């Protein structure tokens, strides 16, 4: 007999991702067939299942088997996240979760890239029609891609953000846009822009008189988090800087087809933005970007943000939380997964850095520093409400910390 008594366990009551067919589309969004859509649906549901129903089992295994076994063998408790991760590697619960999570990342790239590659010439033609001759797209074919990007296929994406198979190619931008739903499970909303809307909400609540005339997002890729800023401040000039030409071509075409006109896309390295004079921007933003930087690159970018910020301006960096002493070692080890198994080699080092000290080293005063938190703002009728979502998968939840400064 099946027990139909409602469970009080939140993991047993979670609301899964919406059907992929409700996501927002635009002129450059890839066309998809039934099977392609259902692959995305399956992978998004699998990711949600892993977070809601498998991760709690991994936590129980850590508490009941992993940590006690380590202490019995070593005669002391686990000392840090590195020991915790290595101890977890011996346990079948972690092994199963880790293998399945890696599988969803690899298959997400396979599914997304196949959909795009079969139509990339058509998409490139549409992008050309939308962007050729538009001075809001500025590309630099001579730009050298730094090794911390060129040597890494970020989150299993072949060619990362910058690779192009032919002149005018936008395939990696299209893949990044349309199949990111797998990873987020809809928690970023119809246009994957929930992070941008969250930042706008934070600024309006905490800085109600702030009215920027110029905004810069560094590492903005296709503009997921940038467009909400441009839309919220339509009289401002918004600039997106990124290393990847396919991202920028796609980004401008996407913005234009969505009716956002006060935005431009510029190919440049955030480490050297000498194309812009000192004090060029009222607001400088990065969103889930710092963890993809080498330590030296992060420091260089912090210095550039200080140089480029106007008096009275703000810089905001949105990221997953730092590994503070109060964060449990199990959580730290689980968050470190991306560094070892998801092609994010700088994740671990970045999340242990003293970002306050790095901001001060870049020239910001201790009194100017900003700390806060944001949660994705999405269409609640169609998508899960990240603010009410208690599921934690240690790296994918649509809730982030904010560190920044006001000068």
Protein backbone atom coordinates (compact mmCIF):
# COMPACT_ATOMS: atom_id res chain seq x y z
CA UNK A 1 0.00 0.00 0.00
CA UNK A 2 1.33 3.45 -0.92
CA UNK A 3 1.58 5.96 1.92
CA UNK A 4 -0.06 9.15 0.64
CA UNK A 5 0.39 11.08 3.89
CA UNK A 6 1.87 14.51 3.11
CA UNK A 7 5.51 14.75 4.11
CA UNK A 8 6.95 17.57 6.22
CA UNK A 9 10.31 17.12 4.55
CA UNK A 10 10.96 20.16 2.29
CA UNK A 11 13.05 17.96 -0.02
CA UNK A 12 9.98 15.80 -0.65
CA UNK A 13 7.79 18.79 -1.52
CA UNK A 14 9.95 20.83 -3.87
CA UNK A 15 8.51 22.43 -6.97
CA UNK A 16 10.52 21.40 -9.99
CA UNK A 17 11.57 23.64 -12.87
CA UNK A 18 8.85 24.81 -15.26
CA UNK A 19 8.57 23.35 -18.73
CA UNK A 20 11.32 24.73 -20.94
CA UNK A 21 8.73 25.88 -23.47
CA UNK A 22 7.87 28.89 -21.28
CA UNK A 23 11.33 30.48 -21.52
CA UNK A 24 11.61 33.82 -23.29
CA UNK A 25 12.64 33.85 -26.92
CA UNK A 26 14.04 36.50 -29.23
CA UNK A 27 15.40 36.84 -32.76
CA UNK A 28 18.63 34.94 -32.05
CA UNK A 29 17.20 32.25 -29.81
CA UNK A 30 17.87 28.84 -31.42
CA UNK A 31 14.96 26.95 -32.94
CA UNK A 32 14.35 23.67 -31.12
CA UNK A 33 12.55 20.45 -31.87
CA UNK A 34 10.55 18.30 -29.46
CA UNK A 35 13.43 15.98 -28.51
CA UNK A 36 15.84 18.87 -28.00
CA UNK A 37 13.39 20.55 -25.64
CA UNK A 38 12.82 17.36 -23.69
CA UNK A 39 16.56 16.80 -23.24
CA UNK A 40 16.76 20.23 -21.62
CA UNK A 41 13.71 19.45 -19.48
CA UNK A 42 15.19 16.15 -18.32
CA UNK A 43 18.56 17.66 -17.42
CA UNK A 44 16.98 20.58 -15.55
CA UNK A 45 14.78 18.18 -13.59
CA UNK A 46 17.80 15.99 -12.85
CA UNK A 47 19.75 18.96 -11.49
CA UNK A 48 16.83 19.92 -9.30
CA UNK A 49 16.47 16.33 -8.10
CA UNK A 50 20.15 16.20 -7.19
CA UNK A 51 19.90 19.43 -5.21
CA UNK A 52 16.63 18.72 -3.43
CA UNK A 53 16.78 14.99 -2.82
CA UNK A 54 20.34 13.74 -3.20
CA UNK A 55 22.37 16.47 -1.49
CA UNK A 56 20.56 15.93 1.85
CA UNK A 57 21.68 12.30 1.67
CA UNK A 58 25.26 13.35 1.06
CA UNK A 59 25.05 15.60 4.13
CA UNK A 60 23.72 12.70 6.22
CA UNK A 61 26.54 10.47 4.93
CA UNK A 62 29.10 13.12 5.89
CA UNK A 63 27.71 13.45 9.40
CA UNK A 64 27.14 9.74 10.03
CA UNK A 65 30.00 8.07 8.12
CA UNK A 66 32.59 10.36 6.62
CA UNK A 67 33.48 12.62 9.54
CA UNK A 68 33.36 9.83 12.19
CA UNK A 69 35.53 7.54 10.04
CA UNK A 70 38.11 10.29 9.52
CA UNK A 71 38.27 11.00 13.26
CA UNK A 72 38.58 7.30 14.07
CA UNK A 73 41.42 6.87 11.58
CA UNK A 74 43.29 10.12 12.26
CA UNK A 75 42.55 10.63 15.93
CA UNK A 76 41.26 14.17 15.33
CA UNK A 77 38.39 15.95 13.58
CA UNK A 78 38.54 17.09 9.96
CA UNK A 79 40.57 20.31 9.92
CA UNK A 80 39.64 22.10 6.67
CA UNK A 81 37.63 21.87 3.47
CA UNK A 82 40.42 20.07 1.63
CA UNK A 83 40.44 17.23 4.13
CA UNK A 84 36.64 17.20 4.05
CA UNK A 85 36.56 16.89 0.25
CA UNK A 86 39.15 14.09 0.21
CA UNK A 87 37.25 12.22 2.90
CA UNK A 88 34.00 12.63 0.97
CA UNK A 89 35.64 11.18 -2.14
CA UNK A 90 35.75 7.80 -0.39
CA UNK A 91 32.00 7.72 0.25
CA UNK A 92 29.50 6.28 -2.27
CA UNK A 93 26.89 8.98 -1.55
CA UNK A 94 29.25 11.78 -2.59
CA UNK A 95 30.62 9.71 -5.48
CA UNK A 96 27.12 9.20 -6.86
CA UNK A 97 26.06 12.84 -6.49
CA UNK A 98 29.33 14.13 -7.97
CA UNK A 99 29.23 11.77 -10.96
CA UNK A 100 25.62 12.65 -11.76
CA UNK A 101 26.23 16.36 -11.37
CA UNK A 102 29.21 16.22 -13.72
CA UNK A 103 27.07 14.21 -16.14
CA UNK A 104 24.41 16.91 -16.22
CA UNK A 105 27.04 19.54 -17.01
CA UNK A 106 28.57 17.51 -19.86
CA UNK A 107 25.19 16.57 -21.30
CA UNK A 108 23.95 20.14 -20.95
CA UNK A 109 26.83 21.23 -23.21
CA UNK A 110 26.25 18.36 -25.64
CA UNK A 111 22.53 19.11 -25.87
CA UNK A 112 22.97 22.86 -26.14
CA UNK A 113 25.83 22.78 -28.62
CA UNK A 114 24.13 20.25 -30.91
CA UNK A 115 21.03 22.42 -31.12
CA UNK A 116 23.15 25.46 -31.98
CA UNK A 117 25.73 23.86 -34.27
CA UNK A 118 23.12 22.45 -36.64
CA UNK A 119 21.86 26.02 -37.27
CA UNK A 120 24.86 28.21 -36.48
CA UNK A 121 25.23 29.55 -40.04
CA UNK A 122 21.59 30.67 -40.00
CA UNK A 123 22.03 32.28 -36.58
CA UNK A 124 25.20 34.04 -37.75
CA UNK A 125 23.29 35.52 -40.68
CA UNK A 126 20.58 36.84 -38.35
CA UNK A 127 23.22 38.29 -36.04
CA UNK A 128 24.93 39.99 -38.98
CA UNK A 129 21.64 41.54 -40.10
CA UNK A 130 21.10 42.90 -36.60
CA UNK A 131 24.62 44.08 -35.79
CA UNK A 132 26.67 44.78 -38.94
CA UNK A 133 27.44 48.49 -39.14
CA UNK A 134 26.02 49.18 -35.69
CA UNK A 135 28.54 51.21 -33.69
CA UNK A 136 27.14 49.72 -30.49
CA UNK A 137 29.25 46.64 -31.25
CA UNK A 138 33.01 47.18 -31.00
CA UNK A 139 35.21 44.12 -31.64
CA UNK A 140 39.00 43.89 -31.47
CA UNK A 141 40.35 40.97 -33.54
CA UNK A 142 43.86 41.70 -32.24
CA UNK A 143 42.85 41.24 -28.60
CA UNK A 144 44.92 38.54 -26.90
CA UNK A 145 42.81 36.10 -24.88
CA UNK A 146 44.55 35.60 -21.50
CA UNK A 147 45.56 32.12 -20.52
CA UNK A 148 43.17 31.97 -17.55
CA UNK A 149 40.41 32.01 -20.18
CA UNK A 150 42.00 30.37 -23.23
CA UNK A 151 43.21 27.31 -21.31
CA UNK A 152 39.87 26.56 -19.63
CA UNK A 153 36.63 25.23 -21.08
CA UNK A 154 34.55 26.93 -18.40
CA UNK A 155 31.81 24.75 -16.89
CA UNK A 156 32.53 22.13 -19.59
CA UNK A 157 31.76 24.55 -22.46
CA UNK A 158 34.12 23.70 -25.36
CA UNK A 159 35.88 26.85 -26.47
CA UNK A 160 34.68 28.74 -23.42
CA UNK A 161 33.34 32.23 -24.20
CA UNK A 162 35.70 33.23 -26.98
CA UNK A 163 35.98 30.41 -29.54
CA UNK A 164 34.52 30.96 -33.00
CA UNK A 165 34.53 28.48 -35.86
CA UNK A 166 34.22 31.11 -38.63
CA UNK A 167 33.98 34.91 -38.95
CA UNK A 168 30.73 36.14 -37.46
CA UNK A 169 30.12 32.94 -35.46
CA UNK A 170 27.84 33.32 -32.43
CA UNK A 171 27.42 29.64 -31.54
CA UNK A 172 28.94 29.82 -28.07
CA UNK A 173 26.81 32.83 -27.21
CA UNK A 174 23.66 31.03 -28.34
CA UNK A 175 24.59 27.87 -26.43
CA UNK A 176 25.34 29.88 -23.29
CA UNK A 177 21.97 31.62 -23.53
CA UNK A 178 19.50 28.91 -24.40
CA UNK A 179 20.79 25.91 -22.42
CA UNK A 180 21.73 27.69 -19.20
CA UNK A 181 18.21 26.75 -18.06
CA UNK A 182 19.61 23.29 -17.26
CA UNK A 183 21.93 24.65 -14.59
CA UNK A 184 19.57 27.19 -13.06
CA UNK A 185 16.36 25.19 -13.37
CA UNK A 186 14.45 28.35 -14.19
CA UNK A 187 15.50 30.16 -11.01
CA UNK A 188 16.81 33.07 -13.10
CA UNK A 189 13.51 33.56 -14.88
CA UNK A 190 12.17 33.79 -18.40
CA UNK A 191 15.21 35.54 -19.87
CA UNK A 192 17.85 34.27 -17.38
CA UNK A 193 18.05 37.83 -16.08
CA UNK A 194 16.94 37.35 -12.48
CA UNK A 195 20.38 38.32 -11.18
CA UNK A 196 20.27 41.68 -12.93
CA UNK A 197 16.78 42.44 -11.65
CA UNK A 198 17.93 41.48 -8.14
CA UNK A 199 20.77 44.00 -8.28
CA UNK A 200 18.44 46.73 -9.55
CA UNK A 201 16.07 46.00 -6.66
CA UNK A 202 18.96 46.20 -4.18
CA UNK A 203 20.18 49.53 -5.57
CA UNK A 204 16.73 51.09 -5.54
CA UNK A 205 16.10 49.93 -1.98
CA UNK A 206 19.48 50.92 -0.55
CA UNK A 207 20.36 53.90 -2.76
CA UNK A 208 17.00 55.44 -3.69
CA UNK A 209 18.54 58.70 -4.93
CA UNK A 210 21.17 57.03 -7.10
CA UNK A 211 20.59 57.87 -10.76
CA UNK A 212 23.54 56.69 -12.88
CA UNK A 213 24.28 58.25 -16.24
CA UNK A 214 26.89 55.69 -17.25
CA UNK A 215 26.99 51.99 -16.32
CA UNK A 216 29.65 49.36 -17.05
CA UNK A 217 29.38 45.59 -16.64
CA UNK A 218 32.67 43.72 -16.88
CA UNK A 219 32.42 40.10 -18.03
CA UNK A 220 28.80 40.62 -19.08
CA UNK A 221 28.78 37.88 -21.80
CA UNK A 222 25.45 38.05 -23.67
CA UNK A 223 23.91 40.62 -21.33
CA UNK A 224 21.74 38.46 -19.07
CA UNK A 225 22.45 40.62 -16.03
CA UNK A 226 23.18 43.79 -18.01
CA UNK A 227 19.88 44.37 -19.80
CA UNK A 228 17.88 44.77 -16.56
CA UNK A 229 20.23 47.60 -15.54
CA UNK A 230 19.81 49.31 -18.90
CA UNK A 231 16.04 48.84 -18.75
CA UNK A 232 15.81 50.17 -15.19
CA UNK A 233 17.77 53.31 -16.07
CA UNK A 234 16.73 54.06 -19.67
CA UNK A 235 18.48 57.44 -19.70
CA UNK A 236 21.83 55.86 -18.81
CA UNK A 237 24.44 54.66 -21.30
CA UNK A 238 25.15 50.99 -20.57
CA UNK A 239 28.40 49.32 -21.68
CA UNK A 240 29.10 45.59 -21.57
CA UNK A 241 32.73 44.50 -21.77
CA UNK A 242 33.76 40.90 -22.45
CA UNK A 243 36.61 38.95 -24.04
CA UNK A 244 34.39 36.80 -26.24
CA UNK A 245 33.38 38.10 -29.67
CA UNK A 246 30.63 35.42 -30.11
CA UNK A 247 29.10 36.55 -26.81
CA UNK A 248 29.14 40.21 -27.79
CA UNK A 249 27.68 39.71 -31.28
CA UNK A 250 24.93 37.60 -29.82
CA UNK A 251 24.45 40.03 -26.94
CA UNK A 252 23.80 43.06 -29.12
CA UNK A 253 21.48 41.13 -31.43
CA UNK A 254 19.60 39.81 -28.41
CA UNK A 255 19.33 43.27 -26.85
CA UNK A 256 18.05 44.87 -30.04
CA UNK A 257 15.46 42.16 -30.62
CA UNK A 258 14.27 42.65 -27.03
CA UNK A 259 13.97 46.40 -27.57
CA UNK A 260 16.86 47.52 -25.35
CA UNK A 261 18.68 50.31 -27.19
CA UNK A 262 20.76 52.14 -24.56
CA UNK A 263 23.45 49.48 -24.45
CA UNK A 264 26.67 48.71 -26.32
CA UNK A 265 28.97 45.70 -26.35
CA UNK A 266 32.76 46.12 -26.38
CA UNK A 267 35.45 43.46 -26.73
CA UNK A 268 38.19 44.17 -24.21
CA UNK A 269 39.95 42.73 -21.19
CA UNK A 270 38.71 43.94 -17.83
CA UNK A 271 42.34 44.05 -16.72
CA UNK A 272 43.12 46.85 -19.18
CA UNK A 273 40.27 49.20 -19.94
CA UNK A 274 42.47 52.06 -21.09
CA UNK A 275 39.98 52.58 -23.94
CA UNK A 276 37.99 54.43 -21.25
CA UNK A 277 39.35 57.54 -19.50
CA UNK A 278 39.51 57.91 -15.72
CA UNK A 279 36.19 58.40 -13.94
CA UNK A 280 34.07 57.24 -16.87
CA UNK A 281 31.29 55.40 -15.04
CA UNK A 282 28.79 56.02 -12.27
CA UNK A 283 28.15 52.31 -11.73
CA UNK A 284 30.47 49.35 -12.39
CA UNK A 285 29.04 45.85 -12.02
CA UNK A 286 30.22 42.24 -12.16
CA UNK A 287 27.83 39.31 -11.74
CA UNK A 288 29.12 35.79 -10.99
CA UNK A 289 32.35 36.73 -12.74
CA UNK A 290 35.10 36.98 -10.12
CA UNK A 291 35.38 33.20 -9.68
CA UNK A 292 36.58 32.83 -13.29
CA UNK A 293 39.57 35.13 -12.78
CA UNK A 294 43.12 34.35 -11.83
CA UNK A 295 44.19 36.10 -8.63
CA UNK A 296 46.33 38.61 -10.50
CA UNK A 297 43.53 39.31 -12.99
CA UNK A 298 41.06 39.91 -10.17
CA UNK A 299 43.38 42.43 -8.56
CA UNK A 300 43.98 44.19 -11.87
CA UNK A 301 40.25 44.42 -12.50
CA UNK A 302 39.63 45.81 -9.01
CA UNK A 303 42.24 48.49 -9.72
CA UNK A 304 40.60 49.36 -13.03
CA UNK A 305 37.19 49.70 -11.37
CA UNK A 306 38.69 52.20 -8.91
CA UNK A 307 40.24 54.20 -11.74
CA UNK A 308 37.06 54.23 -13.81
CA UNK A 309 34.61 55.06 -11.04
CA UNK A 310 33.26 58.60 -10.84
CA UNK A 311 32.99 60.41 -7.49
CA UNK A 312 29.65 59.41 -5.98
CA UNK A 313 29.65 56.20 -8.00
CA UNK A 314 29.31 52.57 -6.93
CA UNK A 315 30.99 49.31 -7.81
CA UNK A 316 29.15 46.07 -7.02
CA UNK A 317 30.42 42.50 -7.33
CA UNK A 318 27.81 39.72 -7.03
CA UNK A 319 29.17 36.27 -6.12
CA UNK A 320 28.56 33.10 -4.17
CA UNK A 321 29.61 33.49 -0.50
CA UNK A 322 33.21 33.45 0.67
CA UNK A 323 34.59 30.60 2.77
CA UNK A 324 34.30 32.35 6.12
CA UNK A 325 35.30 30.64 9.40
CA UNK A 326 31.64 30.24 10.30
CA UNK A 327 30.81 28.26 7.15
CA UNK A 328 30.63 24.51 7.95
CA UNK A 329 33.42 22.42 6.43
CA UNK A 330 30.89 20.22 4.66
CA UNK A 331 29.42 23.25 2.91
CA UNK A 332 32.88 24.53 1.98
CA UNK A 333 33.83 21.15 0.51
CA UNK A 334 30.60 20.93 -1.48
CA UNK A 335 31.03 24.47 -2.80
CA UNK A 336 34.58 23.58 -3.82
CA UNK A 337 33.19 20.96 -6.22
CA UNK A 338 33.22 23.44 -9.11
CA UNK A 339 36.95 24.00 -8.76
CA UNK A 340 37.79 20.32 -9.11
CA UNK A 341 35.03 18.85 -11.27
CA UNK A 342 33.42 21.67 -13.27
CA UNK A 343 36.34 23.39 -15.00
CA UNK A 344 36.39 26.37 -12.63
CA UNK A 345 40.04 26.24 -11.48
CA UNK A 346 40.02 29.65 -9.76
CA UNK A 347 36.81 29.06 -7.82
CA UNK A 348 38.47 27.73 -4.68
CA UNK A 349 41.15 30.39 -4.40
CA UNK A 350 38.75 33.25 -5.11
CA UNK A 351 36.27 32.13 -2.47
CA UNK A 352 38.94 31.99 0.22
CA UNK A 353 40.35 35.44 -0.59
CA UNK A 354 39.89 38.43 1.67
CA UNK A 355 37.96 40.52 -0.83
CA UNK A 356 37.76 43.48 1.53
CA UNK A 357 41.56 43.57 1.62
CA UNK A 358 41.71 43.27 -2.18
CA UNK A 359 39.30 46.20 -2.57
CA UNK A 360 41.35 48.31 -0.17
CA UNK A 361 44.55 47.38 -2.01
CA UNK A 362 42.88 48.60 -5.20
CA UNK A 363 42.40 52.03 -3.65
CA UNK A 364 38.98 51.89 -2.02
CA UNK A 365 38.83 53.13 1.56
CA UNK A 366 37.61 50.76 4.27
CA UNK A 367 34.76 53.17 5.03
CA UNK A 368 33.54 53.02 1.42
CA UNK A 369 33.02 49.24 1.31
CA UNK A 370 29.54 47.81 0.75
CA UNK A 371 28.25 44.38 1.81
CA UNK A 372 24.84 42.92 1.15
CA UNK A 373 22.86 40.10 -0.38
CA UNK A 374 20.53 39.67 -3.35
CA UNK A 375 18.10 37.01 -4.51
CA UNK A 376 16.90 36.52 -8.08
CA UNK A 377 13.73 38.37 -9.00
CA UNK A 378 11.63 36.40 -11.51
CA UNK A 379 8.10 35.96 -12.80
CA UNK A 380 6.52 34.01 -9.93
CA UNK A 381 3.61 32.83 -12.05
CA UNK A 382 5.94 30.76 -14.24
CA UNK A 383 9.16 30.22 -12.34
CA UNK A 384 10.22 29.11 -8.85
CA UNK A 385 10.66 31.95 -6.37
CA UNK A 386 14.32 31.85 -5.40
CA UNK A 387 13.60 33.90 -2.30
CA UNK A 388 11.30 31.19 -0.96
CA UNK A 389 13.41 28.27 -2.18
CA UNK A 390 15.05 26.51 0.76
CA UNK A 391 16.89 24.00 -1.40
CA UNK A 392 20.67 24.48 -1.31
CA UNK A 393 22.98 22.86 -3.84
CA UNK A 394 26.08 24.84 -2.84
CA UNK A 395 26.82 26.82 -5.95
CA UNK A 396 23.65 27.04 -8.09
CA UNK A 397 21.12 28.70 -5.82
CA UNK A 398 19.92 32.05 -7.17
CA UNK A 399 20.97 33.96 -4.05
CA UNK A 400 24.27 35.78 -3.84
CA UNK A 401 26.46 37.99 -1.70
CA UNK A 402 27.37 41.53 -2.74
CA UNK A 403 30.67 43.23 -2.07
CA UNK A 404 31.41 46.66 -3.43
CA UNK A 405 32.17 50.26 -2.63
CA UNK A 406 30.79 53.76 -2.95
CA UNK A 407 33.19 56.63 -3.53
